[in-house]
Amino acid sequence: MRPTTIRPGERLVVRTGLGTKTAFFVRRVPAQCGRKAVNYLRFPAFAGMDGPEDEGVCEMSDYDVSRRVERAK
């Protein structure tokens, strides 16, 4: 999947070493001045793990998104 085609709020399935997780796409920050692009995904299963204000947002590179992420059916 191309990271540039994902829309904010879209439901995704992420393959991990321990199985699959459902996530929602938050936003993508494009590459600038030598920095690589970063994608932010919110995992409901991870919300609250680092305190009550933790929303479960994780960063993923374009490479990881293109290899591990699929649209939910």
Protein backbone atom coordinates (compact mmCIF):
# COMPACT_ATOMS: atom_id res chain seq x y z
CA MET A 1 0.00 0.00 0.00
CA ARG A 2 1.28 3.45 -0.86
CA PRO A 3 1.36 5.73 2.20
CA THR A 4 0.41 8.76 0.12
CA THR A 5 -2.99 7.22 -0.80
CA ILE A 6 -4.22 6.77 2.79
CA ARG A 7 -6.78 9.29 4.02
CA PRO A 8 -7.00 10.57 7.62
CA GLY A 9 -9.43 8.51 9.68
CA GLU A 10 -9.18 5.48 7.41
CA ARG A 11 -9.34 2.09 9.15
CA LEU A 12 -6.29 -0.11 8.52
CA VAL A 13 -5.00 -3.57 9.41
CA VAL A 14 -1.35 -3.74 10.49
CA ARG A 15 0.56 -7.05 10.40
CA THR A 16 2.99 -7.46 13.28
CA GLY A 17 5.16 -10.30 14.50
CA LEU A 18 2.47 -11.21 17.01
CA GLY A 19 -0.54 -11.08 14.67
CA THR A 20 -2.65 -8.30 13.25
CA LYS A 21 -3.89 -5.08 14.86
CA THR A 22 -6.54 -2.58 13.82
CA ALA A 23 -5.40 1.02 13.48
CA PHE A 24 -6.70 4.36 12.24
CA PHE A 25 -4.60 6.66 10.10
CA VAL A 26 -4.05 10.07 11.75
CA ARG A 27 -1.68 11.97 9.44
CA ARG A 28 1.46 11.85 7.34
CA VAL A 29 4.33 14.30 7.60
CA PRO A 30 6.20 14.36 4.27
CA ALA A 31 9.97 14.28 3.99
CA GLN A 32 11.68 17.67 4.39
CA CYS A 33 15.30 18.83 4.45
CA GLY A 34 16.82 15.36 4.65
CA ARG A 35 14.28 13.97 7.13
CA LYS A 36 12.29 10.90 6.16
CA ALA A 37 8.50 10.94 6.00
CA VAL A 38 6.62 9.86 9.13
CA ASN A 39 3.11 8.38 9.38
CA TYR A 40 1.04 8.52 12.57
CA LEU A 41 -1.40 5.69 13.30
CA ARG A 42 -3.73 5.36 16.30
CA PHE A 43 -4.08 1.87 17.74
CA PRO A 44 -7.12 1.54 20.05
CA ALA A 45 -5.53 -1.56 21.62
CA PHE A 46 -2.56 0.55 22.78
CA ALA A 47 -4.59 3.45 24.21
CA GLY A 48 -3.97 4.06 27.91
CA MET A 49 -0.85 1.91 28.18
CA ASP A 50 1.33 4.90 29.12
CA GLY A 51 -1.21 6.65 31.32
CA PRO A 52 -4.80 7.84 31.08
CA GLU A 53 -3.97 10.53 28.50
CA ASP A 54 -2.23 8.14 26.09
CA GLU A 55 -4.23 7.89 22.84
CA GLY A 56 -2.26 4.96 21.41
CA VAL A 57 -0.62 6.94 18.59
CA CYS A 58 2.47 5.33 17.04
CA GLU A 59 4.89 6.44 14.33
CA MET A 60 5.64 4.34 11.26
CA SER A 61 7.98 4.99 8.35
CA ASP A 62 6.82 4.90 4.74
CA TYR A 63 8.70 1.64 4.29
CA ASP A 64 6.87 -0.06 7.18
CA VAL A 65 3.49 1.24 6.01
CA SER A 66 4.07 -0.01 2.47
CA ARG A 67 5.04 -3.50 3.71
CA ARG A 68 2.82 -4.09 6.76
CA VAL A 69 -0.39 -2.09 6.32
CA GLU A 70 -3.56 -3.00 4.41
CA ARG A 71 -6.98 -1.37 4.17
CA ALA A 72 -9.58 -2.97 6.44
CA LYS A 73 -12.41 -4.76 4.66
